[in-house]
Amino acid sequence: MVSFYNPVRVVSGVGACKSFTEIGKFGRKAIIVCGKNSARACGALGDMEALLQEAGVEYIIFDKIMQNPVVSVCDEGGKLAYKFGAAFVIGIGGGSPLDASKAVAVFAANPQISGNALYDYPLEKRNRALPIVAVGTTAGTGSEVTQYAVLTVPEIENKRTYRDTDTFPNLALMDPAYTYSLPRRFTISTAVDALAHAIEGSLLKSSSPYTDGAALEACRLISNALRQIKEGKLDEQVRVDLLTGSTLAGQVIAQTGTSFVHAAGYMLTYFRNLPHGEANAVFLADFIEFSRKAAPERVAALLAACGVKNARELEELYAPMMELDFELGGDEVKKWAAIAFENKNNGNGLRVATVEELEAMIGESKFRK
């Protein structure tokens, strides 16, 4: 049986946010969730403020979202939104602010929930999350079209994902102009994150013809864009292709979930402070090669869409442009492999890795300049 559900209205193109005239239908009060500087620097925050003012919508700004946001900060934002009487939440930024906005939307509608209780509170007892408007400023996470809020939980030294159907954004405003000022390093990092989404989604048990088509087109767009970046070209069309590919890949993982690439990558982010896309880049080629035995035709199709012959050739497309320079100790390898093995993402694969296989892949994933 195949199921596909993605209720997000996507408005994409230069001027998407400025020209959207229906923002007032979500309510008369809003909270904007974003980081301290990036949302304003790229122009997205200013455009949204002008839009809200024109529509007569009152708003407050919660700009405490950092990379890899923690649950407690989202709780703080939710309590502020509840006190203000916000009718909807606007997330502006990359994956961190967009994921945080989903958690804020849940906390705002449920003041009885605090902190990590977010994960264990019975769904049947909580109110629906406030409506969410997602304004993307990077091309990588796909969070604008997923139900996932991936948050850092210091108590477990890892990330944990919250999800439900009401944490799909109601609207995604995707203007590639907001990505024009994104630094090259983060452009590449977010692009590889999106590429990982497309590839992982196609090699999981939950893939379907609906997700496979989107995944192949995402692979084509993103790999071609990475090739142009490698050749020194990063123009507006490359930005458009990356944004389109990222949203397509987000629609894939909204249905399929992710694999041990993300499960292991979370630990590189938490313990080594690697950006999320760079952490995924470390394990992506290993995942492709590991999955080949279970799904050779699927792997071949994905690699062909990327314009490469094998996983290592794909890795050579992006790894030299990334700041990957580290080694892992034996104790770290065992600890991370055990955590990744217990993560249900690992069990999603068409081929499921044992803890010993994970130890081997994590231990061998070493990059040197």
Protein backbone atom coordinates (compact mmCIF):
# COMPACT_ATOMS: atom_id res chain seq x y z
CA MET A 1 0.00 0.00 0.00
CA VAL A 2 1.27 3.49 -0.91
CA SER A 3 0.40 6.65 0.98
CA PHE A 4 1.45 10.21 0.18
CA TYR A 5 0.42 13.19 2.30
CA ASN A 6 1.95 16.63 2.04
CA PRO A 7 -0.53 19.44 2.74
CA VAL A 8 1.93 22.33 2.37
CA ARG A 9 1.06 25.09 -0.07
CA VAL A 10 4.34 26.11 -1.74
CA VAL A 11 4.75 29.54 -3.32
CA SER A 12 8.16 29.72 -4.95
CA GLY A 13 10.04 32.30 -6.99
CA VAL A 14 11.67 35.70 -6.70
CA GLY A 15 9.28 37.96 -4.81
CA ALA A 16 7.26 35.08 -3.36
CA CYS A 17 7.11 36.63 0.10
CA LYS A 18 6.72 40.26 -0.94
CA SER A 19 3.82 39.54 -3.25
CA PHE A 20 1.83 37.14 -1.05
CA THR A 21 -1.39 38.97 -0.23
CA GLU A 22 -3.21 36.37 1.87
CA ILE A 23 -1.15 36.40 5.06
CA GLY A 24 -4.01 37.92 7.04
CA LYS A 25 -6.14 34.80 6.65
CA PHE A 26 -4.06 33.07 9.33
CA GLY A 27 -5.11 35.53 12.04
CA ARG A 28 -4.57 39.00 13.44
CA LYS A 29 -1.53 38.25 15.62
CA ALA A 30 1.67 36.39 14.77
CA ILE A 31 5.02 35.48 16.29
CA ILE A 32 8.07 35.46 14.02
CA VAL A 33 10.64 32.81 14.96
CA CYS A 34 14.13 33.37 13.60
CA GLY A 35 17.83 33.79 14.37
CA LYS A 36 19.44 36.97 15.60
CA ASN A 37 20.96 38.21 12.34
CA SER A 38 20.54 36.05 9.23
CA ALA A 39 16.80 36.55 8.68
CA ARG A 40 17.25 40.31 8.61
CA ALA A 41 20.53 40.28 6.67
CA CYS A 42 19.05 38.41 3.70
CA GLY A 43 15.97 40.65 3.57
CA ALA A 44 13.40 38.05 4.54
CA LEU A 45 12.52 39.51 7.93
CA GLY A 46 12.07 43.02 6.54
CA ASP A 47 9.85 41.74 3.74
CA MET A 48 7.71 39.77 6.19
CA GLU A 49 7.37 42.73 8.55
CA ALA A 50 6.20 44.92 5.65
CA LEU A 51 3.76 42.24 4.57
CA LEU A 52 2.28 41.90 8.05
CA GLN A 53 2.01 45.65 8.53
CA GLU A 54 0.21 46.04 5.23
CA ALA A 55 -2.21 43.27 6.21
CA GLY A 56 -2.83 44.81 9.63
CA VAL A 57 -1.39 41.83 11.51
CA GLU A 58 0.23 42.53 14.88
CA TYR A 59 3.43 40.62 15.50
CA ILE A 60 6.32 40.02 17.87
CA ILE A 61 9.76 38.68 17.03
CA PHE A 62 11.42 35.80 18.87
CA ASP A 63 14.98 35.81 17.54
CA LYS A 64 16.77 33.50 19.98
CA ILE A 65 17.08 30.53 17.62
CA MET A 66 20.65 29.32 17.17
CA GLN A 67 21.96 26.45 15.08
CA ASN A 68 20.70 23.12 16.44
CA PRO A 69 18.05 24.69 18.71
CA VAL A 70 17.35 23.17 22.09
CA VAL A 71 13.89 22.25 23.31
CA SER A 72 13.94 24.73 26.19
CA VAL A 73 14.37 27.71 23.85
CA CYS A 74 11.42 26.54 21.73
CA ASP A 75 9.38 26.21 24.92
CA GLU A 76 10.30 29.80 25.79
CA GLY A 77 9.13 30.95 22.37
CA GLY A 78 5.90 29.01 22.73
CA LYS A 79 5.13 30.57 26.10
CA LEU A 80 5.79 34.03 24.64
CA ALA A 81 3.46 33.30 21.73
CA TYR A 82 0.74 32.09 24.10
CA LYS A 83 1.04 35.19 26.29
CA PHE A 84 0.88 37.44 23.21
CA GLY A 85 -2.15 35.59 21.87
CA ALA A 86 -0.51 34.67 18.57
CA ALA A 87 -2.85 33.02 16.09
CA PHE A 88 -0.03 31.67 13.92
CA VAL A 89 3.73 31.19 13.80
CA ILE A 90 6.10 32.41 11.07
CA GLY A 91 9.46 30.66 10.85
CA ILE A 92 12.18 32.47 8.89
CA GLY A 93 15.54 30.88 8.20
CA GLY A 94 17.17 27.57 7.49
CA GLY A 95 16.39 24.27 9.13
CA SER A 96 17.00 25.43 12.70
CA PRO A 97 14.47 28.30 12.77
CA LEU A 98 11.95 26.40 10.67
CA ASP A 99 12.14 23.31 12.89
CA ALA A 100 12.00 25.53 15.98
CA SER A 101 8.89 27.29 14.66
CA LYS A 102 7.07 23.96 14.57
CA ALA A 103 7.90 23.26 18.20
CA VAL A 104 6.92 26.82 19.14
CA ALA A 105 3.58 26.24 17.41
CA VAL A 106 2.95 23.17 19.57
CA PHE A 107 4.04 24.81 22.82
CA ALA A 108 1.99 27.94 22.07
CA ALA A 109 -1.19 25.90 21.65
CA ASN A 110 -0.41 23.78 24.72
CA PRO A 111 0.85 25.87 27.65
CA GLN A 112 0.44 22.82 29.88
CA ILE A 113 3.42 21.19 28.10
CA SER A 114 6.94 22.19 29.10
CA GLY A 115 10.40 21.16 27.94
CA ASN A 116 11.09 17.57 27.02
CA ALA A 117 7.51 16.61 27.90
CA LEU A 118 6.90 17.68 24.31
CA TYR A 119 7.97 14.21 23.20
CA ASP A 120 5.92 12.16 25.61
CA TYR A 121 2.70 14.14 26.05
CA PRO A 122 -0.22 12.06 24.64
CA LEU A 123 -1.17 13.35 21.22
CA GLU A 124 -4.85 12.74 21.88
CA LYS A 125 -4.72 15.12 24.85
CA ARG A 126 -2.96 18.06 23.24
CA ASN A 127 -4.37 20.86 21.12
CA ARG A 128 -3.44 21.17 17.49
CA ALA A 129 -0.36 23.25 16.81
CA LEU A 130 -0.88 26.81 15.66
CA PRO A 131 -0.76 27.29 11.87
CA ILE A 132 2.80 27.66 10.55
CA VAL A 133 4.17 29.80 7.73
CA ALA A 134 7.69 28.81 6.66
CA VAL A 135 9.98 31.29 4.91
CA GLY A 136 13.12 29.49 3.78
CA THR A 137 16.47 31.27 3.54
CA THR A 138 18.70 28.29 2.73
CA ALA A 139 18.44 25.49 0.17
CA GLY A 140 19.02 22.28 2.04
CA THR A 141 16.86 21.11 4.89
CA GLY A 142 13.49 20.91 3.16
CA SER A 143 11.94 21.75 6.53
CA GLU A 144 9.44 24.00 4.79
CA VAL A 145 7.60 20.92 3.49
CA THR A 146 8.14 18.40 6.30
CA GLN A 147 6.45 17.69 9.61
CA TYR A 148 9.77 17.21 11.43
CA ALA A 149 11.15 19.39 14.20
CA VAL A 150 14.67 18.12 14.91
CA LEU A 151 15.80 19.58 18.22
CA THR A 152 18.83 19.18 20.45
CA VAL A 153 18.21 17.43 23.76
CA PRO A 154 21.28 17.97 25.97
CA GLU A 155 20.11 15.36 28.47
CA ILE A 156 20.67 12.59 25.91
CA GLU A 157 23.64 14.26 24.16
CA ASN A 158 21.85 13.95 20.85
CA LYS A 159 19.06 15.28 18.70
CA ARG A 160 15.49 14.06 18.83
CA THR A 161 12.71 14.49 16.29
CA TYR A 162 9.18 15.63 17.02
CA ARG A 163 6.57 15.02 14.34
CA ASP A 164 2.85 15.02 13.74
CA THR A 165 0.59 15.89 10.82
CA ASP A 166 -0.21 19.31 12.26
CA THR A 167 3.45 20.35 12.28
CA PHE A 168 3.51 20.42 8.50
CA PRO A 169 3.67 24.13 7.63
CA ASN A 170 0.45 25.43 6.16
CA LEU A 171 2.38 27.64 3.75
CA ALA A 172 5.94 27.77 2.43
CA LEU A 173 7.18 31.01 0.88
CA MET A 174 10.37 30.17 -1.01
CA ASP A 175 12.19 33.11 -2.55
CA PRO A 176 15.61 32.17 -3.99
CA ALA A 177 16.73 35.79 -3.55
CA TYR A 178 17.05 35.13 0.19
CA THR A 179 19.75 32.56 -0.54
CA TYR A 180 21.90 34.85 -2.69
CA SER A 181 23.95 36.07 0.27
CA LEU A 182 24.42 32.63 1.83
CA PRO A 183 28.17 31.96 2.25
CA ARG A 184 29.69 29.41 -0.09
CA ARG A 185 30.47 26.95 2.70
CA PHE A 186 26.88 26.85 3.91
CA THR A 187 25.54 26.78 0.37
CA ILE A 188 27.51 23.59 -0.20
CA SER A 189 26.66 22.13 3.20
CA THR A 190 22.92 22.65 2.80
CA ALA A 191 23.04 21.36 -0.78
CA VAL A 192 24.64 18.10 0.35
CA ASP A 193 22.07 17.82 3.12
CA ALA A 194 19.32 18.01 0.48
CA LEU A 195 21.17 15.52 -1.72
CA ALA A 196 21.33 13.13 1.23
CA HIS A 197 17.58 13.49 1.73
CA ALA A 198 16.87 12.51 -1.85
CA ILE A 199 19.24 9.54 -1.85
CA GLU A 200 18.31 8.25 1.59
CA GLY A 201 14.60 8.49 0.83
CA SER A 202 14.98 6.33 -2.27
CA LEU A 203 16.81 3.59 -0.39
CA LEU A 204 14.32 3.13 2.43
CA LYS A 205 11.46 0.70 2.90
CA SER A 206 8.95 3.55 2.83
CA SER A 207 9.91 4.84 -0.63
CA SER A 208 7.27 4.85 -3.35
CA PRO A 209 6.86 5.87 -7.01
CA TYR A 210 5.74 9.30 -5.76
CA THR A 211 8.91 9.88 -3.75
CA ASP A 212 11.24 8.21 -6.24
CA GLY A 213 10.37 10.65 -9.02
CA ALA A 214 10.97 13.65 -6.78
CA ALA A 215 14.20 12.14 -5.49
CA LEU A 216 15.67 11.59 -8.94
CA GLU A 217 14.88 15.13 -10.06
CA ALA A 218 16.32 16.51 -6.82
CA CYS A 219 19.51 14.51 -7.40
CA ARG A 220 19.81 15.86 -10.92
CA LEU A 221 19.28 19.49 -9.91
CA ILE A 222 21.50 19.44 -6.85
CA SER A 223 24.41 17.48 -8.31
CA ASN A 224 24.47 19.72 -11.40
CA ALA A 225 24.45 22.78 -9.15
CA LEU A 226 27.31 21.37 -7.05
CA ARG A 227 29.26 20.74 -10.24
CA GLN A 228 28.84 24.37 -11.27
CA ILE A 229 29.84 25.61 -7.82
CA LYS A 230 32.96 23.47 -8.04
CA GLU A 231 33.76 25.19 -11.33
CA GLY A 232 33.40 28.60 -9.67
CA LYS A 233 29.90 29.42 -10.87
CA LEU A 234 27.29 30.39 -8.29
CA ASP A 235 24.73 32.50 -10.12
CA GLU A 236 21.00 33.03 -9.66
CA GLN A 237 20.04 29.97 -11.71
CA VAL A 238 22.21 27.75 -9.52
CA ARG A 239 20.46 29.21 -6.48
CA VAL A 240 17.04 28.51 -8.03
CA ASP A 241 18.00 24.92 -8.86
CA LEU A 242 19.30 24.31 -5.35
CA LEU A 243 16.13 25.69 -3.79
CA THR A 244 13.89 23.61 -6.05
CA GLY A 245 15.94 20.48 -5.46
CA SER A 246 15.91 21.03 -1.72
CA THR A 247 12.13 21.39 -1.57
CA LEU A 248 11.66 18.28 -3.70
CA ALA A 249 14.01 16.34 -1.42
CA GLY A 250 12.09 17.63 1.60
CA GLN A 251 8.89 16.26 0.12
CA VAL A 252 10.66 12.92 -0.19
CA ILE A 253 11.73 12.58 3.45
CA ALA A 254 8.37 13.87 4.68
CA GLN A 255 7.08 10.52 3.45
CA THR A 256 10.06 8.23 3.93
CA GLY A 257 12.12 9.51 6.85
CA THR A 258 15.91 9.25 6.78
CA SER A 259 18.58 6.61 7.38
CA PHE A 260 21.67 6.00 9.51
CA VAL A 261 23.32 8.85 7.57
CA HIS A 262 21.31 11.24 9.71
CA ALA A 263 21.46 9.09 12.84
CA ALA A 264 25.27 9.07 12.76
CA GLY A 265 25.52 12.61 11.45
CA TYR A 266 23.63 14.01 14.43
CA MET A 267 26.53 12.98 16.65
CA LEU A 268 29.12 14.75 14.52
CA THR A 269 26.98 17.86 14.86
CA TYR A 270 26.51 17.48 18.60
CA PHE A 271 30.01 16.42 19.62
CA ARG A 272 32.16 18.01 16.87
CA ASN A 273 29.97 21.00 15.96
CA LEU A 274 29.95 20.15 12.26
CA PRO A 275 27.14 21.79 10.27
CA HIS A 276 24.38 19.30 9.62
CA GLY A 277 25.05 18.95 5.88
CA GLU A 278 28.76 18.37 6.39
CA ALA A 279 28.00 15.71 8.99
CA ASN A 280 25.72 13.91 6.54
CA ALA A 281 28.39 14.16 3.84
CA VAL A 282 30.70 12.03 5.97
CA PHE A 283 28.43 8.98 5.78
CA LEU A 284 26.51 9.39 2.53
CA ALA A 285 28.82 7.43 0.23
CA ASP A 286 29.05 4.61 2.79
CA PHE A 287 25.25 4.41 2.89
CA ILE A 288 25.02 4.22 -0.90
CA GLU A 289 27.59 1.45 -1.11
CA PHE A 290 26.02 -0.39 1.82
CA SER A 291 22.57 -0.22 0.17
CA ARG A 292 23.79 -1.41 -3.23
CA LYS A 293 23.54 -5.07 -2.26
CA ALA A 294 19.85 -4.73 -1.40
CA ALA A 295 18.86 -2.36 -4.20
CA PRO A 296 21.39 -2.33 -7.08
CA GLU A 297 18.96 -0.91 -9.64
CA ARG A 298 17.85 1.91 -7.35
CA VAL A 299 21.43 2.83 -6.55
CA ALA A 300 22.32 2.81 -10.25
CA ALA A 301 19.39 5.12 -11.04
CA LEU A 302 20.33 7.57 -8.30
CA LEU A 303 23.98 7.68 -9.37
CA ALA A 304 22.96 8.17 -13.00
CA ALA A 305 20.73 11.09 -11.97
CA CYS A 306 23.77 12.57 -10.21
CA GLY A 307 25.87 12.07 -13.34
CA VAL A 308 28.43 9.79 -11.67
CA LYS A 309 29.46 6.14 -11.96
CA ASN A 310 29.77 5.23 -8.31
CA ALA A 311 29.40 6.53 -4.76
CA ARG A 312 33.05 7.52 -4.39
CA GLU A 313 32.87 9.61 -7.55
CA LEU A 314 29.83 11.36 -6.07
CA GLU A 315 31.77 11.94 -2.87
CA GLU A 316 34.57 13.51 -4.88
CA LEU A 317 32.05 15.99 -6.24
CA TYR A 318 31.36 17.57 -2.87
CA ALA A 319 33.94 16.45 -0.28
CA PRO A 320 36.87 18.53 -1.60
CA MET A 321 34.72 21.66 -1.23
CA MET A 322 33.87 20.91 2.41
CA GLU A 323 35.82 21.41 5.62
CA LEU A 324 36.01 17.77 6.69
CA ASP A 325 39.18 17.11 8.62
CA PHE A 326 38.95 14.83 11.64
CA GLU A 327 39.46 11.35 12.96
CA LEU A 328 37.41 9.39 15.46
CA GLY A 329 38.74 7.46 18.43
CA GLY A 330 37.81 3.88 19.20
CA ASP A 331 35.60 4.70 22.17
CA GLU A 332 33.76 7.33 20.16
CA VAL A 333 33.17 4.90 17.33
CA LYS A 334 31.65 2.28 19.63
CA LYS A 335 29.48 4.82 21.43
CA TRP A 336 28.22 6.45 18.25
CA ALA A 337 27.57 3.14 16.53
CA ALA A 338 25.51 1.94 19.49
CA ILE A 339 23.44 5.13 19.48
CA ALA A 340 22.97 5.05 15.71
CA PHE A 341 21.95 1.39 15.87
CA GLU A 342 19.22 2.17 18.41
CA ASN A 343 17.97 5.11 16.35
CA LYS A 344 14.95 3.96 14.39
CA ASN A 345 16.32 5.72 11.31
CA ASN A 346 18.74 2.84 10.97
CA GLY A 347 15.87 0.36 10.75
CA ASN A 348 14.29 2.25 7.84
CA GLY A 349 16.79 1.02 5.26
CA LEU A 350 16.20 -1.52 2.53
CA ARG A 351 19.31 -3.03 4.08
CA VAL A 352 19.64 -2.59 7.84
CA ALA A 353 23.10 -2.24 9.34
CA THR A 354 24.21 -4.23 12.36
CA VAL A 355 26.03 -2.43 15.14
CA GLU A 356 29.29 -4.01 13.93
CA GLU A 357 28.70 -2.75 10.38
CA LEU A 358 27.97 0.72 11.75
CA GLU A 359 31.20 0.63 13.76
CA ALA A 360 33.11 -0.21 10.61
CA MET A 361 31.50 2.56 8.56
CA ILE A 362 31.81 5.21 11.26
CA GLY A 363 35.37 4.21 12.05
CA GLU A 364 36.45 4.28 8.43
CA SER A 365 34.81 7.64 7.63
CA LYS A 366 37.91 9.80 8.01
CA PHE A 367 38.66 12.88 5.97
CA ARG A 368 42.04 14.55 5.71
CA LYS A 369 42.94 17.69 3.81
